[in-house]
Amino acid sequence: MKFRWSGAVAYDAEAAAERLAQYFEAIGYQAQAELSWTRGSLWKALVTMSPRQLPMHVEAKLQPWGTQTLIDLTYEFPRTVRSLSTLDADLLVAELRELVSYLQHGSADFEAMTQLERQATRRARHALLGTLFAIILLSVPMAWLFHQLALPSLGASLLGGAFGGLLTSYLFWRLLRRP
């Protein structure tokens, strides 16, 4: 998934590049090349459950325009196994809003963004723990039920696990998406 943001600032391209670099490094991105930053990875996102660890790539293009500089940012967010929750999306929107503030005024509310990240991470962890608990509660009785239907032990276990897994993956998705 890609999205773009464009705007103008009232200073030269060199100062704009410097502010962009400072801002993106402050929120966890690492410089890849000039005017290009990345952060996160699929593995880190799955392990930490933090939205700031989701793989993201940002590229900037700067164009001097009289006394101003035009900035064109392209965010690239590859589709991953982990879906975005509403809090994850809220954090991405807040980061973009604060970027505008940082470019125009030189300041951003980094603490508010950190709080949003913590909330999103906490909700994702609760959803994961709830899902794991549901897997145990659903899979074991389902395997027992299939075993009672005279299925072989391995088949009963596999069917119980598959059935429980399907139900709990839906539950995990619902828990992440709840308001």
Protein backbone atom coordinates (compact mmCIF):
# COMPACT_ATOMS: atom_id res chain seq x y z
CA MET A 1 0.00 0.00 0.00
CA LYS A 2 1.33 3.45 -0.88
CA PHE A 3 0.23 6.88 0.15
CA ARG A 4 1.62 10.31 -0.57
CA TRP A 5 1.80 13.66 1.14
CA SER A 6 2.83 16.93 -0.47
CA GLY A 7 3.35 20.36 1.01
CA ALA A 8 5.51 23.46 0.95
CA VAL A 9 7.79 25.03 3.54
CA ALA A 10 9.14 28.58 3.67
CA TYR A 11 12.86 27.70 3.65
CA ASP A 12 15.46 26.17 1.36
CA ALA A 13 15.76 22.52 0.31
CA GLU A 14 18.86 21.91 2.44
CA ALA A 15 17.05 22.94 5.63
CA ALA A 16 14.01 20.88 4.60
CA ALA A 17 16.17 17.79 4.06
CA GLU A 18 17.77 18.31 7.48
CA ARG A 19 14.39 18.65 9.24
CA LEU A 20 13.03 15.57 7.48
CA ALA A 21 16.07 13.54 8.53
CA GLN A 22 15.79 14.72 12.15
CA TYR A 23 12.08 13.97 12.32
CA PHE A 24 12.20 10.51 10.78
CA GLU A 25 15.17 9.49 12.92
CA ALA A 26 13.32 10.74 16.02
CA ILE A 27 10.38 8.42 15.30
CA GLY A 28 12.49 5.35 14.64
CA TYR A 29 13.37 5.40 10.95
CA GLN A 30 16.87 4.71 9.68
CA ALA A 31 18.34 6.52 6.71
CA GLN A 32 18.80 4.25 3.69
CA ALA A 33 20.01 6.85 1.22
CA GLU A 34 19.65 10.56 0.81
CA LEU A 35 15.98 11.41 1.46
CA SER A 36 15.02 7.76 2.00
CA TRP A 37 14.19 6.10 5.34
CA THR A 38 12.95 2.70 6.51
CA ARG A 39 11.83 1.21 9.79
CA GLY A 40 10.60 -2.08 11.10
CA SER A 41 10.29 -5.51 9.57
CA LEU A 42 7.61 -8.16 9.44
CA TRP A 43 9.47 -10.28 11.97
CA LYS A 44 9.85 -7.40 14.45
CA ALA A 45 6.19 -6.44 14.01
CA LEU A 46 5.03 -9.97 14.80
CA VAL A 47 7.33 -10.35 17.78
CA THR A 48 6.86 -6.93 19.43
CA MET A 49 3.29 -6.18 18.22
CA SER A 50 4.38 -2.52 17.94
CA PRO A 51 2.97 -0.53 15.01
CA ARG A 52 6.31 1.26 14.76
CA GLN A 53 7.91 -2.05 13.87
CA LEU A 54 5.66 -2.64 10.87
CA PRO A 55 7.78 -2.45 7.70
CA MET A 56 7.58 1.05 6.25
CA HIS A 57 9.63 2.90 3.66
CA VAL A 58 9.52 6.68 3.10
CA GLU A 59 11.03 8.59 0.21
CA ALA A 60 11.13 12.36 -0.13
CA LYS A 61 11.54 14.57 -3.15
CA LEU A 62 12.39 18.22 -2.68
CA GLN A 63 11.86 20.93 -5.28
CA PRO A 64 12.96 24.55 -4.71
CA TRP A 65 10.16 26.93 -5.68
CA GLY A 66 11.06 30.58 -5.26
CA THR A 67 11.58 31.23 -1.54
CA GLN A 68 9.84 27.96 -0.67
CA THR A 69 10.59 24.28 -1.02
CA LEU A 70 8.02 21.78 -2.23
CA ILE A 71 8.13 18.45 -0.41
CA ASP A 72 6.65 15.27 -1.82
CA LEU A 73 6.70 12.21 0.46
CA THR A 74 5.82 8.68 -0.59
CA TYR A 75 5.09 6.16 2.15
CA GLU A 76 5.24 2.52 1.16
CA PHE A 77 3.67 -0.01 3.48
CA PRO A 78 3.93 -3.57 2.15
CA ARG A 79 0.95 -5.79 2.82
CA THR A 80 1.80 -8.04 5.73
CA VAL A 81 0.33 -10.95 7.59
CA ARG A 82 -0.52 -8.65 10.49
CA SER A 83 -3.41 -6.32 9.76
CA LEU A 84 -3.56 -2.71 10.86
CA SER A 85 -5.73 -1.96 13.84
CA THR A 86 -7.46 1.38 14.24
CA LEU A 87 -4.82 2.42 16.79
CA ASP A 88 -2.04 1.49 14.34
CA ALA A 89 -3.69 3.68 11.71
CA ASP A 90 -4.20 6.48 14.27
CA LEU A 91 -0.48 6.41 15.02
CA LEU A 92 0.42 6.70 11.32
CA VAL A 93 -1.96 9.65 10.94
CA ALA A 94 -0.56 11.30 14.08
CA GLU A 95 2.98 10.88 12.76
CA LEU A 96 2.00 12.61 9.54
CA ARG A 97 0.28 15.46 11.41
CA GLU A 98 3.30 15.92 13.65
CA LEU A 99 5.57 15.85 10.59
CA VAL A 100 3.69 18.86 9.23
CA SER A 101 4.06 20.61 12.58
CA TYR A 102 7.77 19.76 12.72
CA LEU A 103 8.39 21.02 9.19
CA GLN A 104 6.51 24.26 9.76
CA HIS A 105 7.36 25.06 13.39
CA GLY A 106 10.33 22.86 14.27
CA SER A 107 8.48 21.02 17.03
CA ALA A 108 6.34 17.91 17.33
CA ASP A 109 4.54 16.13 20.17
CA PHE A 110 6.71 13.03 20.31
CA GLU A 111 5.26 12.04 23.70
CA ALA A 112 1.70 11.83 22.33
CA MET A 113 2.92 9.60 19.51
CA THR A 114 4.75 7.38 22.00
CA GLN A 115 1.54 7.07 24.05
CA LEU A 116 -0.40 6.07 20.93
CA GLU A 117 2.23 3.45 20.11
CA ARG A 118 2.02 2.03 23.64
CA GLN A 119 -1.79 1.85 23.45
CA ALA A 120 -1.67 0.08 20.10
CA THR A 121 0.98 -2.37 21.31
CA ARG A 122 -0.96 -3.07 24.50
CA ARG A 123 -4.20 -3.73 22.58
CA ALA A 124 -2.42 -6.04 20.12
CA ARG A 125 -0.84 -8.00 22.99
CA HIS A 126 -4.20 -8.33 24.77
CA ALA A 127 -5.76 -9.54 21.52
CA LEU A 128 -2.95 -12.07 21.07
CA LEU A 129 -3.23 -13.38 24.63
CA GLY A 130 -7.01 -13.60 24.32
CA THR A 131 -6.60 -15.48 21.08
CA LEU A 132 -4.09 -17.93 22.56
CA PHE A 133 -6.45 -18.55 25.47
CA ALA A 134 -9.32 -19.11 23.01
CA ILE A 135 -7.21 -21.58 21.02
CA ILE A 136 -6.71 -23.67 24.13
CA LEU A 137 -10.37 -23.43 25.11
CA LEU A 138 -11.58 -24.35 21.62
CA SER A 139 -8.98 -26.75 20.26
CA VAL A 140 -8.80 -29.21 23.15
CA PRO A 141 -12.58 -29.79 23.41
CA MET A 142 -12.90 -29.97 19.61
CA ALA A 143 -10.13 -32.56 19.42
CA TRP A 144 -11.84 -34.54 22.18
CA LEU A 145 -15.17 -34.30 20.34
CA PHE A 146 -13.63 -35.52 17.08
CA HIS A 147 -11.93 -38.32 18.99
CA GLN A 148 -15.32 -39.32 20.45
CA LEU A 149 -16.63 -39.54 16.88
CA ALA A 150 -14.20 -42.45 16.39
CA LEU A 151 -11.68 -40.51 14.33
CA PRO A 152 -8.03 -41.59 14.68
CA SER A 153 -6.13 -39.65 17.36
CA LEU A 154 -3.95 -37.78 14.87
CA GLY A 155 -6.93 -36.87 12.67
CA ALA A 156 -8.99 -35.73 15.67
CA SER A 157 -6.13 -33.56 16.92
CA LEU A 158 -5.53 -32.04 13.49
CA LEU A 159 -9.22 -31.30 12.89
CA GLY A 160 -9.65 -29.87 16.39
CA GLY A 161 -6.60 -27.67 15.97
CA ALA A 162 -7.67 -26.49 12.50
CA PHE A 163 -11.21 -25.71 13.63
CA GLY A 164 -9.98 -23.90 16.75
CA GLY A 165 -7.37 -22.03 14.73
CA LEU A 166 -9.90 -20.76 12.21
CA LEU A 167 -12.25 -19.55 14.91
CA THR A 168 -9.51 -17.90 16.93
CA SER A 169 -7.93 -16.16 13.93
CA TYR A 170 -11.31 -14.53 13.35
CA LEU A 171 -11.48 -13.65 17.06
CA PHE A 172 -7.98 -12.11 16.93
CA TRP A 173 -8.98 -10.01 13.94
CA ARG A 174 -12.13 -8.82 15.77
CA LEU A 175 -10.19 -8.01 18.96
CA LEU A 176 -7.68 -5.92 17.03
CA ARG A 177 -10.43 -4.02 15.22
CA ARG A 178 -12.67 -3.22 18.16
CA PRO A 179 -12.94 0.49 19.01
